[in-house]
Amino acid sequence: MIISNKPVQYLLVTLLALTSSTNFASTPVDSVSVKHETVETVEGNHGETSAHGENVGHKIEEEFNASELINSHIGDSHDFHIADWDGHPISFSLPVILWTNNGLEIFSSAKFHHDNSGEHVVDINGEKLVRYKEIIFYADKFETMTADQKNTGAFAFDARPLDFSITKNVFSMLMSAIILFFLFFAVARSYKKNPNAPTGLAGFLEPLVTYVRDEIAVPNIGTKKAGKYMPYLLTIFFFIWINNLIGLIPFFPFSSNLTGNIYFTFVMAFITFIVTTLSGNKSYWGHIFNTPGVPVWLAPIMIPVEIIGMLTKPFALMIRLFANITAGHIIILSLVSLIFIFKSIAVGPVAGAFVLFMSVLEMLVAALQAYVFTLLSALFIGQAVEEHDHH
């Protein structure tokens, strides 16, 4: 078996110069860290006095918000929160790339000082910007927005600049693309030197490559045309699998939730839709616009139904990958949150055991979802290139 480096051609990634920096924020609490503060307040001018003449304070403890913790970890961000040291968060800041009213602006996300509530104003060449829930707005327009408009700010295109930043998910995607590039390049070079007896990395990947070819591509597309689509199928299989695994590693530079991002799964499903549509032969389009065995008078009904069917296929791909990966992350984070909700160390071993079980299960799901996405893509392509015999 000979492996070429054609899958690399599908990953034309331009690597930007990451002007990232590791910094200690001046703010005492990170916007995504869990806050547990005990504040003592004294009511009245002189406070309440006990029988011994001592002031008695009322302790107010801020409630743990599990939803905020989960949303912050499964969502995208402009920096990596690594740890907290002496009340100060340690983070790895990523470059912010904006197209503002003044043109292109590039700066480090450290300028926001971990503020994610729209309070800290950043002045970039006379353009004042704020960040609210990881969305960057013009400061003057942000002040005039209602709470609902702020929460749906991703669609307030007139109130924010175009954002091309290297966020945590984009960083993860670039990293996985580099891994995939060197992976296939090393395997292709190994097979050029010794095509008969693969060793090392090539020997490890050969069963996976042959499995995609013999169990996914050939049965669904056919022997004659499977080779044409093998580069694409191999690329999406390994690309999704690697990113699924990256999301399971809970420390820098990993921990991103790329495949659990609806925008990412939409693009992946859209690419499959484009490949399927462009590959459609005469029989495929004839089945859509002139369904065999259906009376002509039913065409006004059948044609819209068939077109809707074309669109539901990539939609199912998008939702399936997004929902399964996101659900796994939510379950693991929910189990961890139980320790803080019950405020008992006794819950730790039980929650930890379930987290370990779910983490092992998610490793299986990571490979399974890559397989399912590749299998369905091959199935849709196979339906588009299948030749129908008409008698």
Protein backbone atom coordinates (compact mmCIF):
# COMPACT_ATOMS: atom_id res chain seq x y z
CA MET A 1 0.00 0.00 0.00
CA ILE A 2 1.22 3.44 -0.91
CA ILE A 3 0.13 6.53 0.99
CA SER A 4 0.48 9.87 -0.71
CA ASN A 5 0.53 13.25 0.93
CA LYS A 6 -2.58 14.41 -0.94
CA PRO A 7 -4.64 14.89 2.26
CA VAL A 8 -2.30 17.72 3.12
CA GLN A 9 -3.57 19.61 0.10
CA TYR A 10 -6.92 20.03 1.85
CA LEU A 11 -5.27 21.91 4.70
CA LEU A 12 -4.02 25.11 3.10
CA VAL A 13 -3.52 26.90 6.39
CA THR A 14 -1.68 30.19 6.48
CA LEU A 15 0.12 30.40 9.81
CA LEU A 16 -0.02 33.84 11.31
CA ALA A 17 2.72 35.13 13.56
CA LEU A 18 1.34 34.49 17.00
CA THR A 19 2.34 37.48 19.04
CA SER A 20 1.14 35.74 22.16
CA SER A 21 2.35 36.47 25.62
CA THR A 22 2.06 34.84 29.00
CA ASN A 23 1.02 37.42 31.52
CA PHE A 24 -0.02 37.97 35.07
CA ALA A 25 -3.23 39.97 35.07
CA SER A 26 -3.58 42.94 37.32
CA THR A 27 -7.18 42.08 38.11
CA PRO A 28 -7.63 39.83 41.13
CA VAL A 29 -10.13 37.42 39.56
CA ASP A 30 -10.34 35.98 36.09
CA SER A 31 -13.60 36.44 34.24
CA VAL A 32 -13.99 32.69 33.82
CA SER A 33 -12.68 31.54 37.16
CA VAL A 34 -15.02 30.34 39.87
CA LYS A 35 -15.57 32.93 42.54
CA HIS A 36 -15.96 31.95 46.20
CA GLU A 37 -15.74 35.08 48.30
CA THR A 38 -16.75 35.61 51.87
CA VAL A 39 -17.64 39.22 52.59
CA GLU A 40 -18.34 40.50 56.02
CA THR A 41 -20.79 43.39 56.31
CA VAL A 42 -21.82 45.27 59.36
CA GLU A 43 -25.38 46.55 59.36
CA GLY A 44 -26.21 49.95 60.76
CA ASN A 45 -23.86 52.77 61.56
CA HIS A 46 -22.23 50.97 64.43
CA GLY A 47 -23.11 47.38 63.54
CA GLU A 48 -24.89 44.85 65.72
CA THR A 49 -23.45 44.35 69.18
CA SER A 50 -23.42 41.06 71.03
CA ALA A 51 -23.79 40.61 74.75
CA HIS A 52 -20.04 41.04 75.16
CA GLY A 53 -20.00 44.31 73.24
CA GLU A 54 -18.47 42.83 70.07
CA ASN A 55 -19.60 43.68 66.57
CA VAL A 56 -21.21 40.76 64.77
CA GLY A 57 -20.79 40.62 60.95
CA HIS A 58 -23.06 38.85 58.53
CA LYS A 59 -21.22 36.55 56.18
CA ILE A 60 -22.44 36.61 52.64
CA GLU A 61 -21.09 33.87 50.41
CA GLU A 62 -21.53 34.13 46.70
CA GLU A 63 -23.30 31.10 45.28
CA PHE A 64 -21.40 28.78 42.96
CA ASN A 65 -22.71 29.11 39.43
CA ALA A 66 -22.29 25.79 37.61
CA SER A 67 -23.81 27.14 34.39
CA GLU A 68 -21.26 29.95 34.23
CA LEU A 69 -18.41 27.50 34.76
CA ILE A 70 -19.65 25.11 32.07
CA ASN A 71 -20.38 27.83 29.52
CA SER A 72 -16.94 29.38 30.01
CA HIS A 73 -15.17 26.08 29.42
CA ILE A 74 -17.11 24.87 26.39
CA GLY A 75 -17.13 28.32 24.76
CA ASP A 76 -14.41 30.06 22.79
CA SER A 77 -12.11 32.72 24.25
CA HIS A 78 -9.30 35.10 23.31
CA ASP A 79 -6.83 33.54 25.75
CA PHE A 80 -5.99 30.34 27.61
CA HIS A 81 -6.61 30.43 31.34
CA ILE A 82 -3.81 28.24 32.72
CA ALA A 83 -3.99 28.59 36.50
CA ASP A 84 -4.37 31.02 39.40
CA TRP A 85 -1.48 32.09 41.57
CA ASP A 86 -1.92 34.16 44.72
CA GLY A 87 -5.31 35.37 43.56
CA HIS A 88 -4.04 36.36 40.12
CA PRO A 89 -4.86 34.37 36.98
CA ILE A 90 -2.04 33.17 34.78
CA SER A 91 -3.05 33.16 31.14
CA PHE A 92 -1.65 32.74 27.66
CA SER A 93 -2.94 35.66 25.63
CA LEU A 94 -3.71 35.27 21.95
CA PRO A 95 -3.55 37.95 19.24
CA VAL A 96 -6.66 40.00 18.54
CA ILE A 97 -7.05 40.81 14.84
CA LEU A 98 -9.81 43.31 14.04
CA TRP A 99 -10.97 45.22 11.02
CA THR A 100 -12.25 48.45 12.56
CA ASN A 101 -13.42 51.77 11.17
CA ASN A 102 -9.75 52.80 11.17
CA GLY A 103 -8.59 49.70 9.31
CA LEU A 104 -6.69 46.61 10.44
CA GLU A 105 -5.70 46.50 14.11
CA ILE A 106 -3.60 43.75 15.74
CA PHE A 107 -2.88 43.63 19.47
CA SER A 108 -2.68 41.18 22.36
CA SER A 109 -5.83 40.18 24.22
CA ALA A 110 -3.91 40.96 27.43
CA LYS A 111 -4.94 44.60 26.94
CA PHE A 112 -8.44 43.68 28.13
CA HIS A 113 -6.98 42.59 31.51
CA HIS A 114 -9.30 39.57 31.63
CA ASP A 115 -12.37 41.81 31.64
CA ASN A 116 -15.25 40.12 29.88
CA SER A 117 -18.08 42.29 31.14
CA GLY A 118 -17.61 45.36 28.95
CA GLU A 119 -16.20 47.58 31.71
CA HIS A 120 -12.52 47.90 30.74
CA VAL A 121 -12.05 50.19 27.71
CA VAL A 122 -9.09 49.56 25.42
CA ASP A 123 -7.79 52.42 23.28
CA ILE A 124 -6.23 51.16 20.04
CA ASN A 125 -5.04 54.03 17.83
CA GLY A 126 -7.98 56.18 18.90
CA GLU A 127 -10.54 53.36 18.58
CA LYS A 128 -12.12 52.54 21.95
CA LEU A 129 -13.11 48.90 22.36
CA VAL A 130 -14.65 46.72 25.07
CA ARG A 131 -15.11 42.97 25.39
CA TYR A 132 -18.36 41.40 26.55
CA LYS A 133 -18.75 37.62 26.71
CA GLU A 134 -15.80 37.20 24.32
CA ILE A 135 -17.33 39.56 21.73
CA ILE A 136 -15.51 42.83 21.05
CA PHE A 137 -17.64 45.95 20.61
CA TYR A 138 -17.09 49.63 19.94
CA ALA A 139 -17.27 51.21 23.40
CA ASP A 140 -19.62 54.06 22.42
CA LYS A 141 -22.11 51.77 20.69
CA PHE A 142 -21.92 49.19 23.46
CA GLU A 143 -23.16 51.75 26.00
CA THR A 144 -26.35 52.34 24.00
CA MET A 145 -27.22 48.65 23.66
CA THR A 146 -29.86 46.92 25.77
CA ALA A 147 -29.15 43.77 27.76
CA ASP A 148 -30.81 41.59 25.12
CA GLN A 149 -28.81 43.24 22.35
CA LYS A 150 -25.60 42.62 24.27
CA ASN A 151 -26.42 38.95 24.78
CA THR A 152 -27.06 38.55 21.05
CA GLY A 153 -24.12 40.78 20.18
CA ALA A 154 -22.62 38.29 17.73
CA PHE A 155 -25.22 39.51 15.23
CA ALA A 156 -24.88 43.22 16.04
CA PHE A 157 -22.57 43.80 13.10
CA ASP A 158 -22.93 47.59 13.21
CA ALA A 159 -21.82 47.72 16.85
CA ARG A 160 -18.63 45.68 16.56
CA PRO A 161 -15.62 45.38 14.24
CA LEU A 162 -14.97 42.34 12.09
CA ASP A 163 -13.12 39.85 14.28
CA PHE A 164 -10.43 37.64 12.70
CA SER A 165 -8.69 36.92 15.99
CA ILE A 166 -6.67 33.81 16.82
CA THR A 167 -9.03 32.53 19.50
CA LYS A 168 -8.60 29.34 21.50
CA ASN A 169 -10.53 27.31 18.92
CA VAL A 170 -8.61 28.81 16.00
CA PHE A 171 -5.34 28.11 17.80
CA SER A 172 -6.42 24.51 18.28
CA MET A 173 -7.40 24.19 14.63
CA LEU A 174 -4.01 25.51 13.46
CA MET A 175 -2.22 23.19 15.85
CA SER A 176 -4.17 20.13 14.68
CA ALA A 177 -3.56 21.12 11.03
CA ILE A 178 0.19 21.25 11.70
CA ILE A 179 0.06 17.88 13.46
CA LEU A 180 -1.86 16.40 10.55
CA PHE A 181 0.54 17.87 8.01
CA PHE A 182 3.64 16.40 9.65
CA LEU A 183 1.81 13.14 10.35
CA PHE A 184 0.96 12.42 6.72
CA PHE A 185 4.19 13.90 5.41
CA ALA A 186 6.21 11.55 7.64
CA VAL A 187 4.11 8.54 6.63
CA ALA A 188 4.35 9.36 2.90
CA ARG A 189 8.13 9.74 3.18
CA SER A 190 8.36 6.44 5.05
CA TYR A 191 6.47 4.61 2.30
CA LYS A 192 8.68 6.11 -0.39
CA LYS A 193 11.72 4.68 1.34
CA ASN A 194 10.20 1.29 2.14
CA PRO A 195 6.78 0.63 0.56
CA ASN A 196 6.65 -3.07 1.47
CA ALA A 197 7.33 -3.11 5.21
CA PRO A 198 6.04 -0.02 7.04
CA THR A 199 7.60 0.64 10.41
CA GLY A 200 7.12 3.11 13.22
CA LEU A 201 4.46 5.72 12.61
CA ALA A 202 3.59 4.33 9.19
CA GLY A 203 3.02 0.91 10.70
CA PHE A 204 0.68 2.40 13.30
CA LEU A 205 -1.36 4.42 10.81
CA GLU A 206 -1.59 1.81 8.06
CA PRO A 207 -4.48 -0.13 9.68
CA LEU A 208 -6.42 3.12 10.14
CA VAL A 209 -5.86 4.21 6.55
CA THR A 210 -6.82 0.81 5.15
CA TYR A 211 -9.88 0.74 7.40
CA VAL A 212 -11.11 4.06 6.02
CA ARG A 213 -10.48 2.78 2.51
CA ASP A 214 -11.89 -0.77 2.82
CA GLU A 215 -14.70 -0.22 5.34
CA ILE A 216 -15.87 3.32 4.56
CA ALA A 217 -14.87 4.52 1.09
CA VAL A 218 -15.13 1.37 -1.04
CA PRO A 219 -18.46 0.01 0.32
CA ASN A 220 -20.22 3.40 0.02
CA ILE A 221 -18.61 4.98 -3.05
CA GLY A 222 -17.49 1.96 -5.04
CA THR A 223 -14.13 0.53 -5.99
CA LYS A 224 -13.72 2.62 -9.14
CA LYS A 225 -14.35 6.04 -7.59
CA ALA A 226 -13.29 5.52 -3.96
CA GLY A 227 -9.68 6.50 -4.63
CA LYS A 228 -10.74 9.91 -5.90
CA TYR A 229 -12.34 10.79 -2.55
CA MET A 230 -9.88 9.04 -0.23
CA PRO A 231 -7.78 12.21 0.39
CA TYR A 232 -10.87 14.09 1.57
CA LEU A 233 -12.19 11.22 3.70
CA LEU A 234 -8.79 10.65 5.34
CA THR A 235 -8.45 14.36 6.05
CA ILE A 236 -11.81 14.77 7.79
CA PHE A 237 -11.41 11.51 9.72
CA PHE A 238 -8.03 12.38 11.23
CA PHE A 239 -8.78 16.10 11.53
CA ILE A 240 -11.95 15.52 13.56
CA TRP A 241 -10.39 12.73 15.61
CA ILE A 242 -7.32 14.79 16.54
CA ASN A 243 -9.45 17.77 17.55
CA ASN A 244 -11.76 15.54 19.59
CA LEU A 245 -8.75 14.25 21.52
CA ILE A 246 -7.35 17.75 21.98
CA GLY A 247 -10.60 18.79 23.64
CA LEU A 248 -10.22 16.01 26.24
CA ILE A 249 -6.82 17.21 27.48
CA PRO A 250 -7.59 19.73 30.24
CA PHE A 251 -4.43 21.86 30.16
CA PHE A 252 -2.60 24.33 27.92
CA PRO A 253 -2.10 24.29 24.94
CA PHE A 254 -5.04 21.92 24.58
CA SER A 255 -8.47 22.01 26.30
CA SER A 256 -10.32 23.76 23.45
CA ASN A 257 -13.78 22.61 22.38
CA LEU A 258 -13.39 23.03 18.62
CA THR A 259 -15.54 20.11 17.48
CA GLY A 260 -18.16 21.17 20.01
CA ASN A 261 -18.46 24.54 18.28
CA ILE A 262 -21.52 24.81 16.01
CA TYR A 263 -19.69 27.10 13.57
CA PHE A 264 -16.92 24.55 13.06
CA THR A 265 -19.30 21.64 12.52
CA PHE A 266 -21.32 23.81 10.13
CA VAL A 267 -18.25 24.47 7.97
CA MET A 268 -17.26 20.80 7.98
CA ALA A 269 -20.78 19.73 7.00
CA PHE A 270 -20.93 22.48 4.36
CA ILE A 271 -17.71 21.21 2.76
CA THR A 272 -19.23 17.73 2.54
CA PHE A 273 -22.35 19.28 0.99
CA ILE A 274 -20.26 21.10 -1.63
CA VAL A 275 -18.27 17.95 -2.48
CA THR A 276 -21.49 15.93 -2.75
CA THR A 277 -23.24 18.54 -4.89
CA LEU A 278 -20.34 18.98 -7.30
CA SER A 279 -19.94 15.21 -7.59
CA GLY A 280 -23.59 14.60 -8.47
CA ASN A 281 -24.04 12.82 -11.79
CA LYS A 282 -26.97 12.82 -14.20
CA SER A 283 -28.75 10.03 -12.32
CA TYR A 284 -28.45 11.90 -9.02
CA TRP A 285 -29.95 15.13 -10.34
CA GLY A 286 -32.54 13.19 -12.32
CA HIS A 287 -33.70 11.50 -9.14
CA ILE A 288 -34.18 14.91 -7.52
CA PHE A 289 -35.95 16.74 -10.34
CA ASN A 290 -37.61 13.78 -12.04
CA THR A 291 -38.12 11.07 -9.45
CA PRO A 292 -38.52 7.69 -11.21
CA GLY A 293 -41.93 6.08 -10.89
CA VAL A 294 -43.65 9.24 -9.66
CA PRO A 295 -46.47 10.81 -11.71
CA VAL A 296 -45.67 14.14 -13.34
CA TRP A 297 -48.45 15.93 -11.47
CA LEU A 298 -46.64 15.17 -8.18
CA ALA A 299 -43.47 16.96 -9.30
CA PRO A 300 -44.38 20.28 -7.58
CA ILE A 301 -44.47 18.35 -4.32
CA MET A 302 -41.61 15.90 -4.83
CA ILE A 303 -39.01 18.39 -6.05
CA PRO A 304 -39.18 20.58 -2.89
CA VAL A 305 -39.12 17.43 -0.76
CA GLU A 306 -36.00 16.17 -2.51
CA ILE A 307 -34.28 19.56 -2.20
CA ILE A 308 -35.11 19.66 1.51
CA GLY A 309 -33.61 16.18 1.75
CA MET A 310 -30.39 17.49 0.21
CA LEU A 311 -30.18 20.16 2.94
CA THR A 312 -31.11 17.92 5.88
CA LYS A 313 -28.15 15.64 5.23
CA PRO A 314 -25.43 18.22 6.04
CA PHE A 315 -27.66 19.58 8.81
CA ALA A 316 -27.68 16.14 10.44
CA LEU A 317 -23.88 15.97 10.11
CA MET A 318 -23.51 19.37 11.77
CA ILE A 319 -25.84 18.69 14.71
CA ARG A 320 -24.65 15.12 15.35
CA LEU A 321 -20.99 16.05 15.83
CA PHE A 322 -21.75 19.25 17.75
CA ALA A 323 -24.28 17.67 20.14
CA ASN A 324 -22.28 14.55 20.97
CA ILE A 325 -19.01 16.34 21.70
CA THR A 326 -20.65 19.17 23.64
CA ALA A 327 -22.75 16.77 25.70
CA GLY A 328 -19.66 14.88 26.81
CA HIS A 329 -17.93 18.06 27.98
CA ILE A 330 -21.05 19.23 29.82
CA ILE A 331 -21.43 15.91 31.66
CA ILE A 332 -17.79 15.90 32.82
CA LEU A 333 -17.96 19.53 33.99
CA SER A 334 -21.28 18.89 35.72
CA LEU A 335 -19.75 16.00 37.68
CA VAL A 336 -16.84 18.22 38.74
CA SER A 337 -19.31 20.95 39.77
CA LEU A 338 -21.00 18.56 42.21
CA ILE A 339 -18.01 18.94 44.54
CA PHE A 340 -18.58 22.71 44.78
CA ILE A 341 -22.38 22.45 44.88
CA PHE A 342 -22.46 20.04 47.84
CA LYS A 343 -19.41 21.71 49.43
CA SER A 344 -18.23 18.38 50.76
CA ILE A 345 -14.99 16.57 50.16
CA ALA A 346 -16.88 13.30 50.52
CA VAL A 347 -18.39 13.90 47.10
CA GLY A 348 -14.90 14.13 45.58
CA PRO A 349 -14.09 10.40 45.23
CA VAL A 350 -17.55 9.61 43.83
CA ALA A 351 -17.48 12.50 41.35
CA GLY A 352 -13.86 11.72 40.47
CA ALA A 353 -14.70 8.09 39.68
CA PHE A 354 -17.52 9.14 37.37
CA VAL A 355 -15.30 11.77 35.73
CA LEU A 356 -12.64 9.13 35.07
CA PHE A 357 -15.27 6.80 33.59
CA MET A 358 -16.71 9.55 31.39
CA SER A 359 -13.24 10.60 30.24
CA VAL A 360 -12.44 7.06 29.09
CA LEU A 361 -15.85 6.89 27.41
CA GLU A 362 -15.19 10.21 25.67
CA MET A 363 -11.98 8.81 24.21
CA LEU A 364 -14.11 6.16 22.53
CA VAL A 365 -16.65 8.78 21.45
CA ALA A 366 -13.83 10.89 19.95
CA ALA A 367 -12.95 8.11 17.52
CA LEU A 368 -16.58 7.07 17.02
CA GLN A 369 -17.74 10.55 16.00
CA ALA A 370 -14.85 10.91 13.54
CA TYR A 371 -15.86 7.55 12.08
CA VAL A 372 -19.57 8.46 11.87
CA PHE A 373 -18.90 11.82 10.21
CA THR A 374 -16.59 10.19 7.65
CA LEU A 375 -18.99 7.31 7.06
CA LEU A 376 -21.97 9.59 6.44
CA SER A 377 -19.89 11.84 4.18
CA ALA A 378 -18.87 8.80 2.14
CA LEU A 379 -22.49 7.63 2.04
CA PHE A 380 -23.75 10.99 0.73
CA ILE A 381 -20.97 11.15 -1.87
CA GLY A 382 -21.72 7.58 -2.90
CA GLN A 383 -25.37 8.45 -3.47
CA ALA A 384 -24.30 11.34 -5.69
CA VAL A 385 -21.92 9.31 -7.89
CA GLU A 386 -23.89 6.07 -8.03
CA GLU A 387 -24.85 4.92 -11.48
CA HIS A 388 -28.45 3.71 -11.76
CA ASP A 389 -29.46 1.06 -14.26
CA HIS A 390 -32.65 1.97 -16.11
CA HIS A 391 -34.62 -0.83 -17.70
